[in-house]
Amino acid sequence: LNTSCSLEVYEHKLEMVHDLEDLYIQEDQNAVFMCEVSLADVIGDWYKDGHKIRPSSTTKIRTEGTKHFLLMCNVKADDAGEIRFVARDVESTAYLEVEELPLAIVKPLRDRTALEKHRVILECTVSSPHSSATWYKDKEELVSSDRVEILEDGCIHKLVIQQATVEDEGTYMIEVGEHTSKAKLMVEAQALAMMKDLKDVEVTEPELASFQCEVSVAISKPPVWTLNGVTLRSGPSVRLEEQGTVHKLILKDTNVDMNGTVKFTLGKAKSSATLTVRGK
């Protein structure tokens, strides 16, 4: 006796029961997309603008029976786009539109006090990363240069001043859209001191007499040189040189009438020496 039978298994056809719906929300809100298929525990994938969405700290994917959920936390304008769910041969598409929050200054500029020759950073935070800013110093617009950098990192705007000088003191302003923020910058001059003093010089007329000294900080302000109380200025017989912190005085065509005291003054830094000119 021979008997036989055949078993045929039919898979239920998967259908979309509830499609995704378009969402229109403001920035920083959560976006929740939900769709429902006809069968439970079906594996599906989510896509944004054609790119597969993977779970992260701000993106959650969940399945509850026949329902599939996509949660996007604290959405930004860049999150807007086409959202698509695909499971087997069914899919559903919706669109996420994100309204940017009104532009505002979240963290204004703050007054700063900096040491001369140090770097200074003025920083302002705004509510939207899609905003351009203009910086001003005492109402004059600033542009990036070798010493001044204008930086933008998302919502944070920075003005970086390298090697600050006392001339950088003033009122700074950032303008973002219709909003502005101001701050005052104070620059404290470094204490100036003598590192190497002048030395006495003895020459025979009309030889050159050269004096040299060094201060602790190179500053743009010129020093004052005097001979017997009379201020010396560059000319045919007087040469004044400056190389960073080193200052030089060169006297040409010396004569015995120039005997006396040579004095160097730069702010609070002072030094003096004796010039002796012998006759032939």
C-alpha atoms as a PDB file:
ATOM      1  CA  LEU A   1       0.000   0.000   0.000  1.00  0.00           C
ATOM      2  CA  ASN A   2       1.577   3.250  -1.051  1.00  0.00           C
ATOM      3  CA  THR A   3       0.298   6.557   0.148  1.00  0.00           C
ATOM      4  CA  SER A   4       1.675   9.996  -0.448  1.00  0.00           C
ATOM      5  CA  CYS A   5       0.730  13.569   0.308  1.00  0.00           C
ATOM      6  CA  SER A   6       2.116  17.026  -0.298  1.00  0.00           C
ATOM      7  CA  LEU A   7       2.309  20.009   2.026  1.00  0.00           C
ATOM      8  CA  GLU A   8       2.202  23.507   0.627  1.00  0.00           C
ATOM      9  CA  VAL A   9       2.907  26.509   2.861  1.00  0.00           C
ATOM     10  CA  TYR A  10       1.563  29.874   1.773  1.00  0.00           C
ATOM     11  CA  GLU A  11       3.135  32.984   3.251  1.00  0.00           C
ATOM     12  CA  HIS A  12       0.675  35.691   4.121  1.00  0.00           C
ATOM     13  CA  LYS A  13       1.012  38.655   1.856  1.00  0.00           C
ATOM     14  CA  LEU A  14       2.402  41.719   3.617  1.00  0.00           C
ATOM     15  CA  GLU A  15       0.377  44.876   3.225  1.00  0.00           C
ATOM     16  CA  MET A  16       0.613  48.418   4.520  1.00  0.00           C
ATOM     17  CA  VAL A  17      -2.241  49.025   6.951  1.00  0.00           C
ATOM     18  CA  HIS A  18      -1.340  52.576   8.017  1.00  0.00           C
ATOM     19  CA  ASP A  19       0.993  54.797   5.996  1.00  0.00           C
ATOM     20  CA  LEU A  20       3.503  57.294   7.309  1.00  0.00           C
ATOM     21  CA  GLU A  21       2.256  60.845   7.654  1.00  0.00           C
ATOM     22  CA  ASP A  22       4.076  64.076   6.831  1.00  0.00           C
ATOM     23  CA  LEU A  23       5.377  66.075   9.790  1.00  0.00           C
ATOM     24  CA  TYR A  24       5.922  69.819  10.120  1.00  0.00           C
ATOM     25  CA  ILE A  25       7.627  70.792  13.380  1.00  0.00           C
ATOM     26  CA  GLN A  26       9.945  73.415  14.855  1.00  0.00           C
ATOM     27  CA  GLU A  27      13.624  72.941  15.572  1.00  0.00           C
ATOM     28  CA  ASP A  28      14.510  71.224  18.866  1.00  0.00           C
ATOM     29  CA  GLN A  29      11.233  69.281  18.908  1.00  0.00           C
ATOM     30  CA  ASN A  30      11.030  65.486  18.544  1.00  0.00           C
ATOM     31  CA  ALA A  31       9.790  63.922  15.300  1.00  0.00           C
ATOM     32  CA  VAL A  32       7.879  60.625  15.591  1.00  0.00           C
ATOM     33  CA  PHE A  33       6.980  58.615  12.484  1.00  0.00           C
ATOM     34  CA  MET A  34       4.721  55.547  12.704  1.00  0.00           C
ATOM     35  CA  CYS A  35       3.437  53.089  10.163  1.00  0.00           C
ATOM     36  CA  GLU A  36       1.615  49.760  10.505  1.00  0.00           C
ATOM     37  CA  VAL A  37       1.840  46.622   8.409  1.00  0.00           C
ATOM     38  CA  SER A  38      -0.494  43.620   8.273  1.00  0.00           C
ATOM     39  CA  LEU A  39       1.872  41.141   9.928  1.00  0.00           C
ATOM     40  CA  ALA A  40       3.633  41.240  13.282  1.00  0.00           C
ATOM     41  CA  ASP A  41       7.375  41.084  13.914  1.00  0.00           C
ATOM     42  CA  VAL A  42       8.351  41.951  10.365  1.00  0.00           C
ATOM     43  CA  ILE A  43      11.837  43.363   9.904  1.00  0.00           C
ATOM     44  CA  GLY A  44      11.886  46.747   8.203  1.00  0.00           C
ATOM     45  CA  ASP A  45      14.384  49.482   7.384  1.00  0.00           C
ATOM     46  CA  TRP A  46      14.146  53.264   7.602  1.00  0.00           C
ATOM     47  CA  TYR A  47      15.715  55.698   5.137  1.00  0.00           C
ATOM     48  CA  LYS A  48      16.231  59.453   4.972  1.00  0.00           C
ATOM     49  CA  ASP A  49      16.769  60.900   1.513  1.00  0.00           C
ATOM     50  CA  GLY A  50      17.766  57.426   0.321  1.00  0.00           C
ATOM     51  CA  HIS A  51      20.318  56.798   3.080  1.00  0.00           C
ATOM     52  CA  LYS A  52      19.676  54.053   5.609  1.00  0.00           C
ATOM     53  CA  ILE A  53      18.951  55.343   9.112  1.00  0.00           C
ATOM     54  CA  ARG A  54      20.842  53.685  11.938  1.00  0.00           C
ATOM     55  CA  PRO A  55      20.034  54.024  15.660  1.00  0.00           C
ATOM     56  CA  SER A  56      22.049  56.615  17.596  1.00  0.00           C
ATOM     57  CA  SER A  57      21.833  58.744  20.729  1.00  0.00           C
ATOM     58  CA  THR A  58      19.305  61.003  18.975  1.00  0.00           C
ATOM     59  CA  THR A  59      17.625  58.481  16.661  1.00  0.00           C
ATOM     60  CA  LYS A  60      15.572  55.539  17.958  1.00  0.00           C
ATOM     61  CA  ILE A  61      13.939  52.706  15.964  1.00  0.00           C
ATOM     62  CA  ARG A  62      11.292  50.553  17.623  1.00  0.00           C
ATOM     63  CA  THR A  63       8.827  47.795  16.648  1.00  0.00           C
ATOM     64  CA  GLU A  64       5.658  46.916  18.579  1.00  0.00           C
ATOM     65  CA  GLY A  65       3.895  44.014  16.906  1.00  0.00           C
ATOM     66  CA  THR A  66       2.649  45.313  13.581  1.00  0.00           C
ATOM     67  CA  LYS A  67       3.642  48.920  14.282  1.00  0.00           C
ATOM     68  CA  HIS A  68       7.007  50.453  13.394  1.00  0.00           C
ATOM     69  CA  PHE A  69       8.304  53.680  14.940  1.00  0.00           C
ATOM     70  CA  LEU A  70      11.088  56.141  14.117  1.00  0.00           C
ATOM     71  CA  LEU A  71      11.956  58.769  16.748  1.00  0.00           C
ATOM     72  CA  MET A  72      14.250  61.694  15.910  1.00  0.00           C
ATOM     73  CA  CYS A  73      15.159  63.804  18.948  1.00  0.00           C
ATOM     74  CA  ASN A  74      15.822  67.553  18.959  1.00  0.00           C
ATOM     75  CA  VAL A  75      15.604  67.898  15.192  1.00  0.00           C
ATOM     76  CA  LYS A  76      17.478  70.622  13.339  1.00  0.00           C
ATOM     77  CA  ALA A  77      16.853  72.228   9.975  1.00  0.00           C
ATOM     78  CA  ASP A  78      19.353  69.800   8.412  1.00  0.00           C
ATOM     79  CA  ASP A  79      17.131  66.864   9.440  1.00  0.00           C
ATOM     80  CA  ALA A  80      14.382  67.884   7.001  1.00  0.00           C
ATOM     81  CA  GLY A  81      13.823  65.545   4.056  1.00  0.00           C
ATOM     82  CA  GLU A  82      12.140  62.385   2.784  1.00  0.00           C
ATOM     83  CA  ILE A  83      11.514  59.609   5.329  1.00  0.00           C
ATOM     84  CA  ARG A  84      10.841  56.125   3.948  1.00  0.00           C
ATOM     85  CA  PHE A  85      10.028  52.784   5.573  1.00  0.00           C
ATOM     86  CA  VAL A  86      10.637  49.538   3.639  1.00  0.00           C
ATOM     87  CA  ALA A  87       9.653  45.988   4.642  1.00  0.00           C
ATOM     88  CA  ARG A  88       9.812  43.193   2.082  1.00  0.00           C
ATOM     89  CA  ASP A  89       7.999  44.501  -0.982  1.00  0.00           C
ATOM     90  CA  VAL A  90       5.962  47.234   0.720  1.00  0.00           C
ATOM     91  CA  GLU A  91       7.005  50.738   1.583  1.00  0.00           C
ATOM     92  CA  SER A  92       5.654  54.055   2.784  1.00  0.00           C
ATOM     93  CA  THR A  93       7.019  57.567   2.371  1.00  0.00           C
ATOM     94  CA  ALA A  94       6.497  60.847   4.223  1.00  0.00           C
ATOM     95  CA  TYR A  95       8.231  64.205   4.452  1.00  0.00           C
ATOM     96  CA  LEU A  96       9.738  65.954   7.445  1.00  0.00           C
ATOM     97  CA  GLU A  97       9.723  69.742   7.337  1.00  0.00           C
ATOM     98  CA  VAL A  98      11.569  71.629  10.060  1.00  0.00           C
ATOM     99  CA  GLU A  99      10.921  75.279  10.832  1.00  0.00           C
ATOM    100  CA  GLU A 100      14.007  77.096  12.064  1.00  0.00           C
ATOM    101  CA  LEU A 101      13.686  78.836  15.411  1.00  0.00           C
ATOM    102  CA  PRO A 102      13.701  82.635  15.285  1.00  0.00           C
ATOM    103  CA  LEU A 103      17.309  83.832  15.335  1.00  0.00           C
ATOM    104  CA  ALA A 104      18.423  85.041  18.752  1.00  0.00           C
ATOM    105  CA  ILE A 105      21.629  85.570  20.710  1.00  0.00           C
ATOM    106  CA  VAL A 106      21.752  82.802  23.292  1.00  0.00           C
ATOM    107  CA  LYS A 107      25.099  83.688  24.908  1.00  0.00           C
ATOM    108  CA  PRO A 108      26.212  87.324  24.432  1.00  0.00           C
ATOM    109  CA  LEU A 109      29.747  88.680  24.335  1.00  0.00           C
ATOM    110  CA  ARG A 110      31.416  89.291  27.689  1.00  0.00           C
ATOM    111  CA  ASP A 111      33.853  92.037  28.700  1.00  0.00           C
ATOM    112  CA  ARG A 112      37.432  90.778  28.707  1.00  0.00           C
ATOM    113  CA  THR A 113      40.719  91.863  30.243  1.00  0.00           C
ATOM    114  CA  ALA A 114      43.832  90.434  28.619  1.00  0.00           C
ATOM    115  CA  LEU A 115      47.574  90.671  29.057  1.00  0.00           C
ATOM    116  CA  GLU A 116      49.599  92.293  26.323  1.00  0.00           C
ATOM    117  CA  LYS A 117      51.153  89.790  23.868  1.00  0.00           C
ATOM    118  CA  HIS A 118      48.563  87.143  24.816  1.00  0.00           C
ATOM    119  CA  ARG A 119      45.742  85.687  22.704  1.00  0.00           C
ATOM    120  CA  VAL A 120      42.214  86.999  23.238  1.00  0.00           C
ATOM    121  CA  ILE A 121      38.975  85.214  22.273  1.00  0.00           C
ATOM    122  CA  LEU A 122      35.607  86.970  22.136  1.00  0.00           C
ATOM    123  CA  GLU A 123      32.782  84.445  21.805  1.00  0.00           C
ATOM    124  CA  CYS A 124      29.054  84.641  21.100  1.00  0.00           C
ATOM    125  CA  THR A 125      26.474  81.842  20.743  1.00  0.00           C
ATOM    126  CA  VAL A 126      23.345  82.213  18.599  1.00  0.00           C
ATOM    127  CA  SER A 127      20.262  80.019  18.262  1.00  0.00           C
ATOM    128  CA  SER A 128      20.798  78.885  14.673  1.00  0.00           C
ATOM    129  CA  PRO A 129      23.875  77.557  12.860  1.00  0.00           C
ATOM    130  CA  HIS A 130      22.597  79.037   9.595  1.00  0.00           C
ATOM    131  CA  SER A 131      23.554  82.633  10.360  1.00  0.00           C
ATOM    132  CA  SER A 132      26.351  84.900   9.206  1.00  0.00           C
ATOM    133  CA  ALA A 133      27.948  87.419  11.536  1.00  0.00           C
ATOM    134  CA  THR A 134      29.756  90.732  11.143  1.00  0.00           C
ATOM    135  CA  TRP A 135      32.281  91.963  13.733  1.00  0.00           C
ATOM    136  CA  TYR A 136      33.100  95.590  14.548  1.00  0.00           C
ATOM    137  CA  LYS A 137      35.659  97.417  16.693  1.00  0.00           C
ATOM    138  CA  ASP A 138      34.591 100.906  17.693  1.00  0.00           C
ATOM    139  CA  LYS A 139      32.056 100.857  14.799  1.00  0.00           C
ATOM    140  CA  GLU A 140      34.703  99.861  12.222  1.00  0.00           C
ATOM    141  CA  GLU A 141      34.077  96.526  10.477  1.00  0.00           C
ATOM    142  CA  LEU A 142      36.715  93.849  11.080  1.00  0.00           C
ATOM    143  CA  VAL A 143      38.013  91.327   8.554  1.00  0.00           C
ATOM    144  CA  SER A 144      40.278  88.304   9.026  1.00  0.00           C
ATOM    145  CA  SER A 145      44.009  89.006   8.873  1.00  0.00           C
ATOM    146  CA  ASP A 146      47.302  87.491  10.039  1.00  0.00           C
ATOM    147  CA  ARG A 147      46.570  88.657  13.585  1.00  0.00           C
ATOM    148  CA  VAL A 148      42.759  88.630  13.696  1.00  0.00           C
ATOM    149  CA  GLU A 149      40.691  85.509  12.989  1.00  0.00           C
ATOM    150  CA  ILE A 150      36.926  85.422  12.490  1.00  0.00           C
ATOM    151  CA  LEU A 151      35.670  81.896  13.144  1.00  0.00           C
ATOM    152  CA  GLU A 152      32.281  80.185  12.958  1.00  0.00           C
ATOM    153  CA  ASP A 153      31.502  76.730  14.334  1.00  0.00           C
ATOM    154  CA  GLY A 154      27.797  75.979  14.108  1.00  0.00           C
ATOM    155  CA  CYS A 155      26.035  78.326  16.502  1.00  0.00           C
ATOM    156  CA  ILE A 156      29.289  79.648  18.001  1.00  0.00           C
ATOM    157  CA  HIS A 157      30.984  82.745  16.582  1.00  0.00           C
ATOM    158  CA  LYS A 158      34.496  83.719  17.685  1.00  0.00           C
ATOM    159  CA  LEU A 159      36.834  86.649  17.205  1.00  0.00           C
ATOM    160  CA  VAL A 160      40.433  85.653  17.957  1.00  0.00           C
ATOM    161  CA  ILE A 161      43.124  88.312  18.409  1.00  0.00           C
ATOM    162  CA  GLN A 162      46.700  87.042  18.395  1.00  0.00           C
ATOM    163  CA  GLN A 163      49.396  88.938  20.323  1.00  0.00           C
ATOM    164  CA  ALA A 164      47.060  91.567  21.765  1.00  0.00           C
ATOM    165  CA  THR A 165      48.389  95.115  22.100  1.00  0.00           C
ATOM    166  CA  VAL A 166      47.098  98.141  23.969  1.00  0.00           C
ATOM    167  CA  GLU A 167      45.869  99.450  20.607  1.00  0.00           C
ATOM    168  CA  ASP A 168      43.369  96.552  20.571  1.00  0.00           C
ATOM    169  CA  GLU A 169      41.492  98.058  23.500  1.00  0.00           C
ATOM    170  CA  GLY A 170      37.997  99.232  22.684  1.00  0.00           C
ATOM    171  CA  THR A 171      34.375  98.213  22.255  1.00  0.00           C
ATOM    172  CA  TYR A 172      33.700  95.160  20.097  1.00  0.00           C
ATOM    173  CA  MET A 173      30.326  94.290  18.587  1.00  0.00           C
ATOM    174  CA  ILE A 174      28.925  91.295  16.733  1.00  0.00           C
ATOM    175  CA  GLU A 175      25.937  91.726  14.431  1.00  0.00           C
ATOM    176  CA  VAL A 176      23.833  88.660  13.574  1.00  0.00           C
ATOM    177  CA  GLY A 177      20.715  89.428  11.583  1.00  0.00           C
ATOM    178  CA  GLU A 178      18.885  92.149  13.489  1.00  0.00           C
ATOM    179  CA  HIS A 179      20.606  91.268  16.759  1.00  0.00           C
ATOM    180  CA  THR A 180      23.794  92.722  18.245  1.00  0.00           C
ATOM    181  CA  SER A 181      25.980  92.126  21.276  1.00  0.00           C
ATOM    182  CA  LYS A 182      28.767  94.350  22.624  1.00  0.00           C
ATOM    183  CA  ALA A 183      31.719  93.911  24.960  1.00  0.00           C
ATOM    184  CA  LYS A 184      34.717  95.945  26.091  1.00  0.00           C
ATOM    185  CA  LEU A 185      38.278  94.683  25.787  1.00  0.00           C
ATOM    186  CA  MET A 186      40.976  95.949  28.151  1.00  0.00           C
ATOM    187  CA  VAL A 187      44.630  95.104  27.505  1.00  0.00           C
ATOM    188  CA  GLU A 188      47.100  95.339  30.376  1.00  0.00           C
ATOM    189  CA  ALA A 189      50.599  96.289  29.298  1.00  0.00           C
ATOM    190  CA  GLN A 190      53.305  93.913  30.433  1.00  0.00           C
ATOM    191  CA  ALA A 191      55.708  95.237  33.044  1.00  0.00           C
ATOM    192  CA  LEU A 192      58.683  96.677  31.165  1.00  0.00           C
ATOM    193  CA  ALA A 193      62.132  96.207  32.694  1.00  0.00           C
ATOM    194  CA  MET A 194      65.770  96.522  31.702  1.00  0.00           C
ATOM    195  CA  MET A 195      67.396  93.193  30.840  1.00  0.00           C
ATOM    196  CA  LYS A 196      70.814  94.614  29.841  1.00  0.00           C
ATOM    197  CA  ASP A 197      71.887  98.101  30.866  1.00  0.00           C
ATOM    198  CA  LEU A 198      73.966 100.584  28.925  1.00  0.00           C
ATOM    199  CA  LYS A 199      77.733 100.423  29.420  1.00  0.00           C
ATOM    200  CA  ASP A 200      80.170 103.320  29.640  1.00  0.00           C
ATOM    201  CA  VAL A 201      81.909 104.106  26.366  1.00  0.00           C
ATOM    202  CA  GLU A 202      85.296 105.760  25.825  1.00  0.00           C
ATOM    203  CA  VAL A 203      86.443 106.851  22.348  1.00  0.00           C
ATOM    204  CA  THR A 204      88.880 109.216  20.682  1.00  0.00           C
ATOM    205  CA  GLU A 205      87.367 111.938  18.527  1.00  0.00           C
ATOM    206  CA  PRO A 206      85.974 111.578  15.832  1.00  0.00           C
ATOM    207  CA  GLU A 207      85.417 107.816  16.356  1.00  0.00           C
ATOM    208  CA  LEU A 208      81.945 106.249  16.537  1.00  0.00           C
ATOM    209  CA  ALA A 209      80.412 105.827  19.961  1.00  0.00           C
ATOM    210  CA  SER A 210      77.952 102.940  20.180  1.00  0.00           C
ATOM    211  CA  PHE A 211      75.541 102.235  23.056  1.00  0.00           C
ATOM    212  CA  GLN A 212      73.302  99.187  23.363  1.00  0.00           C
ATOM    213  CA  CYS A 213      70.712  97.982  25.868  1.00  0.00           C
ATOM    214  CA  GLU A 214      67.898  95.437  26.029  1.00  0.00           C
ATOM    215  CA  VAL A 215      64.402  95.559  27.544  1.00  0.00           C
ATOM    216  CA  SER A 216      62.083  92.714  28.587  1.00  0.00           C
ATOM    217  CA  VAL A 217      59.305  93.290  26.051  1.00  0.00           C
ATOM    218  CA  ALA A 218      59.302  94.506  22.450  1.00  0.00           C
ATOM    219  CA  ILE A 219      56.777  97.325  22.133  1.00  0.00           C
ATOM    220  CA  SER A 220      55.879  99.648  19.284  1.00  0.00           C
ATOM    221  CA  LYS A 221      56.457 102.838  21.271  1.00  0.00           C
ATOM    222  CA  PRO A 222      59.895 104.366  20.452  1.00  0.00           C
ATOM    223  CA  PRO A 223      62.355 105.055  23.293  1.00  0.00           C
ATOM    224  CA  VAL A 224      63.865 108.412  24.227  1.00  0.00           C
ATOM    225  CA  TRP A 225      67.644 108.837  24.054  1.00  0.00           C
ATOM    226  CA  THR A 226      69.304 111.884  25.592  1.00  0.00           C
ATOM    227  CA  LEU A 227      72.845 113.225  25.874  1.00  0.00           C
ATOM    228  CA  ASN A 228      73.346 115.534  28.830  1.00  0.00           C
ATOM    229  CA  GLY A 229      69.574 116.041  28.981  1.00  0.00           C
ATOM    230  CA  VAL A 230      69.178 116.912  25.298  1.00  0.00           C
ATOM    231  CA  THR A 231      66.912 114.574  23.290  1.00  0.00           C
ATOM    232  CA  LEU A 232      68.685 112.854  20.413  1.00  0.00           C
ATOM    233  CA  ARG A 233      66.951 112.357  17.071  1.00  0.00           C
ATOM    234  CA  SER A 234      68.002 110.420  13.963  1.00  0.00           C
ATOM    235  CA  GLY A 235      70.153 112.497  11.637  1.00  0.00           C
ATOM    236  CA  PRO A 236      73.513 112.613   9.830  1.00  0.00           C
ATOM    237  CA  SER A 237      75.460 112.193  13.081  1.00  0.00           C
ATOM    238  CA  VAL A 238      72.934 110.186  15.113  1.00  0.00           C
ATOM    239  CA  ARG A 239      71.566 106.743  14.286  1.00  0.00           C
ATOM    240  CA  LEU A 240      68.827 105.058  16.341  1.00  0.00           C
ATOM    241  CA  GLU A 241      68.220 101.341  15.824  1.00  0.00           C
ATOM    242  CA  GLU A 242      65.704  98.865  17.207  1.00  0.00           C
ATOM    243  CA  GLN A 243      65.685  95.076  16.783  1.00  0.00           C
ATOM    244  CA  GLY A 244      62.889  93.602  18.885  1.00  0.00           C
ATOM    245  CA  THR A 245      63.919  94.125  22.496  1.00  0.00           C
ATOM    246  CA  VAL A 246      67.398  95.431  21.635  1.00  0.00           C
ATOM    247  CA  HIS A 247      67.953  99.196  21.216  1.00  0.00           C
ATOM    248  CA  LYS A 248      71.080 100.894  19.866  1.00  0.00           C
ATOM    249  CA  LEU A 249      72.414 104.439  19.718  1.00  0.00           C
ATOM    250  CA  ILE A 250      75.306 105.257  17.384  1.00  0.00           C
ATOM    251  CA  LEU A 251      76.966 108.673  17.566  1.00  0.00           C
ATOM    252  CA  LYS A 252      79.181 109.692  14.634  1.00  0.00           C
ATOM    253  CA  ASP A 253      81.872 112.381  14.470  1.00  0.00           C
ATOM    254  CA  THR A 254      82.324 112.529  18.234  1.00  0.00           C
ATOM    255  CA  ASN A 255      84.168 115.414  19.876  1.00  0.00           C
ATOM    256  CA  VAL A 256      85.202 116.382  23.386  1.00  0.00           C
ATOM    257  CA  ASP A 257      82.126 118.620  23.749  1.00  0.00           C
ATOM    258  CA  MET A 258      79.990 115.461  23.801  1.00  0.00           C
ATOM    259  CA  ASN A 259      81.413 114.193  27.082  1.00  0.00           C
ATOM    260  CA  GLY A 260      78.632 113.452  29.534  1.00  0.00           C
ATOM    261  CA  THR A 261      75.709 111.176  30.320  1.00  0.00           C
ATOM    262  CA  VAL A 262      73.772 109.119  27.780  1.00  0.00           C
ATOM    263  CA  LYS A 263      70.333 108.103  29.006  1.00  0.00           C
ATOM    264  CA  PHE A 264      67.773 105.609  27.608  1.00  0.00           C
ATOM    265  CA  THR A 265      64.087 105.802  28.613  1.00  0.00           C
ATOM    266  CA  LEU A 266      61.213 103.552  27.507  1.00  0.00           C
ATOM    267  CA  GLY A 267      58.208 103.752  29.778  1.00  0.00           C
ATOM    268  CA  LYS A 268      59.401 102.828  33.263  1.00  0.00           C
ATOM    269  CA  ALA A 269      62.558 101.175  31.913  1.00  0.00           C
ATOM    270  CA  LYS A 270      65.592 103.459  32.244  1.00  0.00           C
ATOM    271  CA  SER A 271      69.352 103.102  31.907  1.00  0.00           C
ATOM    272  CA  SER A 272      72.290 105.503  31.711  1.00  0.00           C
ATOM    273  CA  ALA A 273      76.011 105.414  30.968  1.00  0.00           C
ATOM    274  CA  THR A 274      78.939 107.791  30.610  1.00  0.00           C
ATOM    275  CA  LEU A 275      80.376 108.882  27.284  1.00  0.00           C
ATOM    276  CA  THR A 276      84.035 109.906  27.398  1.00  0.00           C
ATOM    277  CA  VAL A 277      85.549 111.459  24.273  1.00  0.00           C
ATOM    278  CA  ARG A 278      89.305 112.027  24.294  1.00  0.00           C
ATOM    279  CA  GLY A 279      90.883 114.670  22.137  1.00  0.00           C
ATOM    280  CA  LYS A 280      93.464 113.723  19.552  1.00  0.00           C
END
